[in-house]
């Protein structure tokens, strides 16, 4: 989301972020976001699917852009990007171009270059001393949690999949998130539960089973332990 005029607040995963002209809000796949009143800003939503990235972007670009959209190491808002106006004007121009030959490829490359510019700026704003090997192992751990959190919430399980010790996994996760691997897993599940409650009309019992809980009571206890309220209270709030 590219802010072209004014200022305001946008909510991403239940956190509120101040935004103003020149800012870019990055919303990753699966994240829940919401516009906040009063609406005193204008801008553009650029929506693209994962298939487009995999089909048209280079492999090295995909790697960098995955960092940009990893909300554990990159804040949702990139402040004061200098390339917004040029990107939007060129994208509009190409979109309106009646010559359809390689049109998709050109627009995809425009987006690829723009996202790389965003990652360049976001990387500059992030902690520069992050260990590269730690980052790669953390990304692998995060990917495994996304795949298997429904069936397993044990740190040893993920350490075994990564062929490292639980202690080393904790060191890696702490270096990126400042929390333990167990805390990361639990908070990941809590966020997935909140997303599911906010973005669907499913019954809490259905969400509990989808999140890997055999009993609704265990689901409720887990959620209340980490949030201070029951899923039902959160749903009604």
C-alpha atoms as a PDB file:
ATOM      1  CA  UNK A   1       0.000   0.000   0.000  1.00  0.00           C
ATOM      2  CA  UNK A   2       1.645   3.223  -1.216  1.00  0.00           C
ATOM      3  CA  UNK A   3       0.617   6.447   0.553  1.00  0.00           C
ATOM      4  CA  UNK A   4       0.453   9.344  -1.911  1.00  0.00           C
ATOM      5  CA  UNK A   5      -1.287  12.011   0.195  1.00  0.00           C
ATOM      6  CA  UNK A   6      -2.015  12.879   3.823  1.00  0.00           C
ATOM      7  CA  UNK A   7      -1.389  10.846   6.961  1.00  0.00           C
ATOM      8  CA  UNK A   8      -3.155   8.405   9.256  1.00  0.00           C
ATOM      9  CA  UNK A   9      -2.934   4.998  10.918  1.00  0.00           C
ATOM     10  CA  UNK A  10      -3.066   1.487   9.473  1.00  0.00           C
ATOM     11  CA  UNK A  11      -3.448  -1.729  11.470  1.00  0.00           C
ATOM     12  CA  UNK A  12      -1.411  -4.831  10.610  1.00  0.00           C
ATOM     13  CA  UNK A  13      -1.765  -7.990  12.727  1.00  0.00           C
ATOM     14  CA  UNK A  14      -3.507  -6.003  15.482  1.00  0.00           C
ATOM     15  CA  UNK A  15      -0.698  -3.421  15.736  1.00  0.00           C
ATOM     16  CA  UNK A  16      -1.312   0.206  14.720  1.00  0.00           C
ATOM     17  CA  UNK A  17       1.265   1.995  12.570  1.00  0.00           C
ATOM     18  CA  UNK A  18       1.330   5.743  11.826  1.00  0.00           C
ATOM     19  CA  UNK A  19       1.655   6.411   8.089  1.00  0.00           C
ATOM     20  CA  UNK A  20       2.096   9.499   5.928  1.00  0.00           C
ATOM     21  CA  UNK A  21       2.810  10.573   2.365  1.00  0.00           C
ATOM     22  CA  UNK A  22       5.741   8.618   0.922  1.00  0.00           C
ATOM     23  CA  UNK A  23       5.364   5.609   3.229  1.00  0.00           C
ATOM     24  CA  UNK A  24       4.812   2.051   2.020  1.00  0.00           C
ATOM     25  CA  UNK A  25       2.871  -0.550   4.031  1.00  0.00           C
ATOM     26  CA  UNK A  26       3.978  -4.137   3.267  1.00  0.00           C
ATOM     27  CA  UNK A  27       1.314  -6.754   3.958  1.00  0.00           C
ATOM     28  CA  UNK A  28       2.558 -10.324   3.685  1.00  0.00           C
ATOM     29  CA  UNK A  29       0.558 -13.372   2.684  1.00  0.00           C
ATOM     30  CA  UNK A  30      -1.698 -14.405   5.577  1.00  0.00           C
ATOM     31  CA  UNK A  31      -1.406 -11.151   7.526  1.00  0.00           C
ATOM     32  CA  UNK A  32      -4.590  -9.428   8.655  1.00  0.00           C
ATOM     33  CA  UNK A  33      -4.795  -5.664   8.153  1.00  0.00           C
ATOM     34  CA  UNK A  34      -7.434  -2.978   8.589  1.00  0.00           C
ATOM     35  CA  UNK A  35      -7.984   0.664   7.676  1.00  0.00           C
ATOM     36  CA  UNK A  36      -8.384   2.965  10.667  1.00  0.00           C
ATOM     37  CA  UNK A  37     -10.635   6.029  10.792  1.00  0.00           C
ATOM     38  CA  UNK A  38     -10.389   8.916  10.168  1.00  0.00           C
ATOM     39  CA  UNK A  39      -9.379   8.353   6.540  1.00  0.00           C
ATOM     40  CA  UNK A  40      -7.189  11.407   5.972  1.00  0.00           C
ATOM     41  CA  UNK A  41      -4.825   9.792   3.480  1.00  0.00           C
ATOM     42  CA  UNK A  42      -4.924   8.489  -0.076  1.00  0.00           C
ATOM     43  CA  UNK A  43      -2.829   5.992  -1.953  1.00  0.00           C
ATOM     44  CA  UNK A  44      -2.573   2.912  -4.120  1.00  0.00           C
ATOM     45  CA  UNK A  45      -2.940  -0.792  -3.361  1.00  0.00           C
ATOM     46  CA  UNK A  46      -0.627  -2.975  -5.449  1.00  0.00           C
ATOM     47  CA  UNK A  47      -1.839  -6.553  -5.109  1.00  0.00           C
ATOM     48  CA  UNK A  48       0.078  -9.487  -6.570  1.00  0.00           C
ATOM     49  CA  UNK A  49       0.047 -13.244  -6.097  1.00  0.00           C
ATOM     50  CA  UNK A  50       2.840 -15.626  -5.206  1.00  0.00           C
ATOM     51  CA  UNK A  51       2.550 -17.236  -8.666  1.00  0.00           C
ATOM     52  CA  UNK A  52       3.561 -13.975 -10.330  1.00  0.00           C
ATOM     53  CA  UNK A  53       6.673 -13.713  -8.176  1.00  0.00           C
ATOM     54  CA  UNK A  54       7.730 -17.291  -8.863  1.00  0.00           C
ATOM     55  CA  UNK A  55       7.059 -17.032 -12.601  1.00  0.00           C
ATOM     56  CA  UNK A  56       8.595 -13.662 -13.455  1.00  0.00           C
ATOM     57  CA  UNK A  57      11.111 -12.757 -10.731  1.00  0.00           C
ATOM     58  CA  UNK A  58      14.697 -14.021 -10.703  1.00  0.00           C
ATOM     59  CA  UNK A  59      15.664 -16.533  -8.023  1.00  0.00           C
ATOM     60  CA  UNK A  60      18.003 -14.070  -6.296  1.00  0.00           C
ATOM     61  CA  UNK A  61      15.265 -11.414  -6.257  1.00  0.00           C
ATOM     62  CA  UNK A  62      12.802 -13.851  -4.668  1.00  0.00           C
ATOM     63  CA  UNK A  63      15.339 -14.465  -1.892  1.00  0.00           C
ATOM     64  CA  UNK A  64      15.738 -10.768  -1.099  1.00  0.00           C
ATOM     65  CA  UNK A  65      12.024 -10.005  -1.383  1.00  0.00           C
ATOM     66  CA  UNK A  66      11.237 -12.875   0.993  1.00  0.00           C
ATOM     67  CA  UNK A  67      13.265 -10.916   3.578  1.00  0.00           C
ATOM     68  CA  UNK A  68      11.196  -7.813   2.841  1.00  0.00           C
ATOM     69  CA  UNK A  69       7.957  -9.660   3.586  1.00  0.00           C
ATOM     70  CA  UNK A  70       9.268 -11.585   6.598  1.00  0.00           C
ATOM     71  CA  UNK A  71       7.488  -9.684   9.366  1.00  0.00           C
ATOM     72  CA  UNK A  72       9.836 -11.091  12.034  1.00  0.00           C
ATOM     73  CA  UNK A  73      12.816  -9.139  10.726  1.00  0.00           C
ATOM     74  CA  UNK A  74      11.163  -6.334   8.759  1.00  0.00           C
ATOM     75  CA  UNK A  75       8.621  -3.798  10.055  1.00  0.00           C
ATOM     76  CA  UNK A  76       5.421  -3.435   7.967  1.00  0.00           C
ATOM     77  CA  UNK A  77       6.088   0.217   7.155  1.00  0.00           C
ATOM     78  CA  UNK A  78       8.951   1.526   5.013  1.00  0.00           C
ATOM     79  CA  UNK A  79       9.216   5.244   5.667  1.00  0.00           C
ATOM     80  CA  UNK A  80       9.645   7.893   2.990  1.00  0.00           C
ATOM     81  CA  UNK A  81      10.393   5.825  -0.108  1.00  0.00           C
ATOM     82  CA  UNK A  82      11.697   7.995  -2.971  1.00  0.00           C
ATOM     83  CA  UNK A  83      10.609   5.693  -5.803  1.00  0.00           C
ATOM     84  CA  UNK A  84       6.838   5.632  -5.221  1.00  0.00           C
ATOM     85  CA  UNK A  85       5.763   8.298  -7.702  1.00  0.00           C
ATOM     86  CA  UNK A  86       7.974   7.003 -10.496  1.00  0.00           C
ATOM     87  CA  UNK A  87       6.833   3.405  -9.947  1.00  0.00           C
ATOM     88  CA  UNK A  88       3.120   4.285  -9.940  1.00  0.00           C
ATOM     89  CA  UNK A  89       3.374   6.548 -12.995  1.00  0.00           C
ATOM     90  CA  UNK A  90       5.289   3.941 -15.013  1.00  0.00           C
ATOM     91  CA  UNK A  91       2.966   1.141 -13.921  1.00  0.00           C
ATOM     92  CA  UNK A  92      -0.093   3.173 -14.937  1.00  0.00           C
ATOM     93  CA  UNK A  93       1.500   4.011 -18.274  1.00  0.00           C
ATOM     94  CA  UNK A  94       2.251   0.387 -19.060  1.00  0.00           C
ATOM     95  CA  UNK A  95      -1.156  -0.775 -17.833  1.00  0.00           C
ATOM     96  CA  UNK A  96      -2.813   1.611 -20.293  1.00  0.00           C
ATOM     97  CA  UNK A  97      -0.504   0.613 -23.140  1.00  0.00           C
ATOM     98  CA  UNK A  98      -2.564  -1.041 -25.886  1.00  0.00           C
ATOM     99  CA  UNK A  99       0.452  -3.008 -27.115  1.00  0.00           C
ATOM    100  CA  UNK A 100       0.046  -6.268 -25.172  1.00  0.00           C
ATOM    101  CA  UNK A 101       3.292  -7.849 -26.407  1.00  0.00           C
ATOM    102  CA  UNK A 102       5.450  -8.788 -23.321  1.00  0.00           C
ATOM    103  CA  UNK A 103       3.201  -6.465 -21.283  1.00  0.00           C
ATOM    104  CA  UNK A 104       2.980  -8.803 -18.296  1.00  0.00           C
ATOM    105  CA  UNK A 105       6.742  -9.319 -18.308  1.00  0.00           C
ATOM    106  CA  UNK A 106       7.418  -5.564 -18.336  1.00  0.00           C
ATOM    107  CA  UNK A 107       4.987  -4.859 -15.484  1.00  0.00           C
ATOM    108  CA  UNK A 108       6.388  -7.754 -13.473  1.00  0.00           C
ATOM    109  CA  UNK A 109       9.940  -6.437 -13.875  1.00  0.00           C
ATOM    110  CA  UNK A 110       8.791  -2.970 -12.793  1.00  0.00           C
ATOM    111  CA  UNK A 111       7.364  -4.517  -9.633  1.00  0.00           C
ATOM    112  CA  UNK A 112      10.476  -6.648  -9.094  1.00  0.00           C
ATOM    113  CA  UNK A 113      12.785  -3.624  -9.281  1.00  0.00           C
ATOM    114  CA  UNK A 114      10.513  -1.581  -7.022  1.00  0.00           C
ATOM    115  CA  UNK A 115      10.404  -4.313  -4.355  1.00  0.00           C
ATOM    116  CA  UNK A 116      14.184  -4.685  -4.493  1.00  0.00           C
ATOM    117  CA  UNK A 117      14.472  -0.936  -3.882  1.00  0.00           C
ATOM    118  CA  UNK A 118      12.135  -1.324  -0.902  1.00  0.00           C
ATOM    119  CA  UNK A 119      14.202  -4.200   0.465  1.00  0.00           C
ATOM    120  CA  UNK A 120      17.373  -2.135   0.033  1.00  0.00           C
ATOM    121  CA  UNK A 121      15.878   0.642   2.147  1.00  0.00           C
ATOM    122  CA  UNK A 122      14.316  -1.728   4.703  1.00  0.00           C
ATOM    123  CA  UNK A 123      17.632  -3.598   5.038  1.00  0.00           C
ATOM    124  CA  UNK A 124      19.416  -0.307   5.723  1.00  0.00           C
ATOM    125  CA  UNK A 125      16.937   0.421   8.513  1.00  0.00           C
ATOM    126  CA  UNK A 126      17.252  -3.050  10.080  1.00  0.00           C
ATOM    127  CA  UNK A 127      19.923  -4.223  12.477  1.00  0.00           C
ATOM    128  CA  UNK A 128      23.035  -4.549  10.232  1.00  0.00           C
ATOM    129  CA  UNK A 129      24.839  -7.147  12.331  1.00  0.00           C
ATOM    130  CA  UNK A 130      22.417 -10.058  11.850  1.00  0.00           C
ATOM    131  CA  UNK A 131      24.328 -13.273  11.232  1.00  0.00           C
ATOM    132  CA  UNK A 132      23.591 -14.504   7.690  1.00  0.00           C
ATOM    133  CA  UNK A 133      23.763 -18.205   8.587  1.00  0.00           C
ATOM    134  CA  UNK A 134      21.468 -17.565  11.556  1.00  0.00           C
ATOM    135  CA  UNK A 135      19.008 -15.814   9.263  1.00  0.00           C
ATOM    136  CA  UNK A 136      18.922 -18.748   6.850  1.00  0.00           C
ATOM    137  CA  UNK A 137      18.373 -21.273   9.657  1.00  0.00           C
ATOM    138  CA  UNK A 138      15.708 -19.044  11.181  1.00  0.00           C
ATOM    139  CA  UNK A 139      13.863 -18.854   7.852  1.00  0.00           C
ATOM    140  CA  UNK A 140      14.040 -22.647   7.591  1.00  0.00           C
ATOM    141  CA  UNK A 141      12.717 -22.991  11.165  1.00  0.00           C
ATOM    142  CA  UNK A 142       9.894 -20.521  10.475  1.00  0.00           C
ATOM    143  CA  UNK A 143       8.951 -22.422   7.322  1.00  0.00           C
ATOM    144  CA  UNK A 144       8.841 -25.705   9.237  1.00  0.00           C
ATOM    145  CA  UNK A 145       6.663 -24.168  11.957  1.00  0.00           C
ATOM    146  CA  UNK A 146       4.263 -22.895   9.277  1.00  0.00           C
ATOM    147  CA  UNK A 147       4.039 -26.431   7.872  1.00  0.00           C
ATOM    148  CA  UNK A 148       3.836 -28.459  11.077  1.00  0.00           C
ATOM    149  CA  UNK A 149       2.481 -26.302  13.928  1.00  0.00           C
ATOM    150  CA  UNK A 150      -0.899 -28.073  13.625  1.00  0.00           C
ATOM    151  CA  UNK A 151       0.730 -31.362  14.605  1.00  0.00           C
ATOM    152  CA  UNK A 152       3.703 -30.443  16.795  1.00  0.00           C
ATOM    153  CA  UNK A 153       4.656 -27.554  19.109  1.00  0.00           C
ATOM    154  CA  UNK A 154       7.811 -29.124  20.548  1.00  0.00           C
ATOM    155  CA  UNK A 155      11.180 -27.375  20.087  1.00  0.00           C
ATOM    156  CA  UNK A 156      13.056 -30.693  19.948  1.00  0.00           C
ATOM    157  CA  UNK A 157      10.944 -31.762  16.972  1.00  0.00           C
ATOM    158  CA  UNK A 158      12.003 -28.747  14.898  1.00  0.00           C
ATOM    159  CA  UNK A 159      15.628 -28.958  16.032  1.00  0.00           C
ATOM    160  CA  UNK A 160      15.720 -32.581  14.819  1.00  0.00           C
ATOM    161  CA  UNK A 161      14.269 -31.564  11.439  1.00  0.00           C
ATOM    162  CA  UNK A 162      17.020 -28.944  11.122  1.00  0.00           C
ATOM    163  CA  UNK A 163      19.711 -31.381  12.349  1.00  0.00           C
ATOM    164  CA  UNK A 164      20.804 -29.022  15.132  1.00  0.00           C
ATOM    165  CA  UNK A 165      20.502 -29.104  18.917  1.00  0.00           C
ATOM    166  CA  UNK A 166      17.559 -27.436  20.696  1.00  0.00           C
ATOM    167  CA  UNK A 167      20.085 -25.186  22.458  1.00  0.00           C
ATOM    168  CA  UNK A 168      21.538 -24.001  19.142  1.00  0.00           C
ATOM    169  CA  UNK A 169      18.031 -23.427  17.771  1.00  0.00           C
ATOM    170  CA  UNK A 170      17.268 -21.218  20.763  1.00  0.00           C
ATOM    171  CA  UNK A 171      20.433 -19.197  20.127  1.00  0.00           C
ATOM    172  CA  UNK A 172      19.391 -18.679  16.492  1.00  0.00           C
ATOM    173  CA  UNK A 173      15.811 -17.680  17.277  1.00  0.00           C
ATOM    174  CA  UNK A 174      16.929 -15.339  20.077  1.00  0.00           C
ATOM    175  CA  UNK A 175      19.350 -13.596  17.700  1.00  0.00           C
ATOM    176  CA  UNK A 176      16.475 -12.761  15.331  1.00  0.00           C
ATOM    177  CA  UNK A 177      13.398 -12.326  17.545  1.00  0.00           C
ATOM    178  CA  UNK A 178      14.868 -11.845  21.066  1.00  0.00           C
ATOM    179  CA  UNK A 179      12.643 -14.742  22.206  1.00  0.00           C
ATOM    180  CA  UNK A 180      13.086 -18.480  22.726  1.00  0.00           C
ATOM    181  CA  UNK A 181      12.133 -21.013  20.066  1.00  0.00           C
ATOM    182  CA  UNK A 182       9.259 -22.196  22.258  1.00  0.00           C
ATOM    183  CA  UNK A 183       7.977 -18.658  22.646  1.00  0.00           C
ATOM    184  CA  UNK A 184       8.225 -18.147  18.881  1.00  0.00           C
ATOM    185  CA  UNK A 185       6.156 -21.288  18.212  1.00  0.00           C
ATOM    186  CA  UNK A 186       3.514 -20.329  20.783  1.00  0.00           C
ATOM    187  CA  UNK A 187       3.263 -16.737  19.547  1.00  0.00           C
ATOM    188  CA  UNK A 188       3.074 -17.927  15.946  1.00  0.00           C
ATOM    189  CA  UNK A 189       0.092 -20.126  16.844  1.00  0.00           C
ATOM    190  CA  UNK A 190      -1.577 -17.312  18.792  1.00  0.00           C
ATOM    191  CA  UNK A 191      -1.220 -15.021  15.778  1.00  0.00           C
ATOM    192  CA  UNK A 192      -2.657 -17.692  13.468  1.00  0.00           C
ATOM    193  CA  UNK A 193      -5.613 -18.144  15.827  1.00  0.00           C
ATOM    194  CA  UNK A 194      -6.258 -14.398  15.928  1.00  0.00           C
ATOM    195  CA  UNK A 195      -6.022 -14.162  12.154  1.00  0.00           C
ATOM    196  CA  UNK A 196      -8.482 -17.001  11.739  1.00  0.00           C
ATOM    197  CA  UNK A 197     -10.937 -15.475  14.215  1.00  0.00           C
ATOM    198  CA  UNK A 198     -10.734 -12.037  12.606  1.00  0.00           C
ATOM    199  CA  UNK A 199     -10.819 -13.090   8.958  1.00  0.00           C
ATOM    200  CA  UNK A 200     -13.460 -15.831   9.015  1.00  0.00           C
ATOM    201  CA  UNK A 201     -16.834 -16.682  10.498  1.00  0.00           C
ATOM    202  CA  UNK A 202     -15.750 -20.158  11.575  1.00  0.00           C
ATOM    203  CA  UNK A 203     -16.874 -21.558  14.917  1.00  0.00           C
ATOM    204  CA  UNK A 204     -14.219 -21.537  17.628  1.00  0.00           C
ATOM    205  CA  UNK A 205     -14.456 -25.311  17.823  1.00  0.00           C
ATOM    206  CA  UNK A 206     -13.540 -25.571  14.137  1.00  0.00           C
ATOM    207  CA  UNK A 207     -10.608 -23.164  14.553  1.00  0.00           C
ATOM    208  CA  UNK A 208      -9.381 -25.157  17.556  1.00  0.00           C
ATOM    209  CA  UNK A 209      -9.231 -28.385  15.546  1.00  0.00           C
ATOM    210  CA  UNK A 210      -7.607 -26.628  12.587  1.00  0.00           C
ATOM    211  CA  UNK A 211      -4.902 -25.323  14.913  1.00  0.00           C
ATOM    212  CA  UNK A 212      -4.125 -28.800  16.188  1.00  0.00           C
ATOM    213  CA  UNK A 213      -6.025 -28.882  19.479  1.00  0.00           C
ATOM    214  CA  UNK A 214      -7.937 -32.087  20.238  1.00  0.00           C
ATOM    215  CA  UNK A 215     -10.058 -30.448  22.927  1.00  0.00           C
ATOM    216  CA  UNK A 216     -11.637 -26.992  22.909  1.00  0.00           C
ATOM    217  CA  UNK A 217     -10.808 -26.638  26.609  1.00  0.00           C
ATOM    218  CA  UNK A 218      -7.084 -27.015  25.860  1.00  0.00           C
ATOM    219  CA  UNK A 219      -7.436 -24.488  23.029  1.00  0.00           C
ATOM    220  CA  UNK A 220      -9.104 -22.019  25.394  1.00  0.00           C
ATOM    221  CA  UNK A 221      -6.470 -22.527  28.126  1.00  0.00           C
ATOM    222  CA  UNK A 222      -3.628 -22.060  25.641  1.00  0.00           C
ATOM    223  CA  UNK A 223      -5.108 -18.857  24.216  1.00  0.00           C
ATOM    224  CA  UNK A 224      -5.934 -17.390  27.638  1.00  0.00           C
ATOM    225  CA  UNK A 225      -2.455 -18.226  28.988  1.00  0.00           C
ATOM    226  CA  UNK A 226      -0.798 -16.201  26.220  1.00  0.00           C
ATOM    227  CA  UNK A 227      -3.313 -13.366  25.789  1.00  0.00           C
ATOM    228  CA  UNK A 228      -5.086 -12.972  29.116  1.00  0.00           C
ATOM    229  CA  UNK A 229      -8.516 -13.537  27.546  1.00  0.00           C
ATOM    230  CA  UNK A 230     -10.532 -16.403  26.112  1.00  0.00           C
ATOM    231  CA  UNK A 231     -10.973 -16.863  22.349  1.00  0.00           C
ATOM    232  CA  UNK A 232     -14.676 -16.110  22.785  1.00  0.00           C
ATOM    233  CA  UNK A 233     -13.919 -12.788  24.493  1.00  0.00           C
ATOM    234  CA  UNK A 234     -11.406 -11.898  21.782  1.00  0.00           C
ATOM    235  CA  UNK A 235     -13.922 -12.784  19.073  1.00  0.00           C
ATOM    236  CA  UNK A 236     -16.540 -10.528  20.627  1.00  0.00           C
ATOM    237  CA  UNK A 237     -14.214  -7.572  21.184  1.00  0.00           C
END
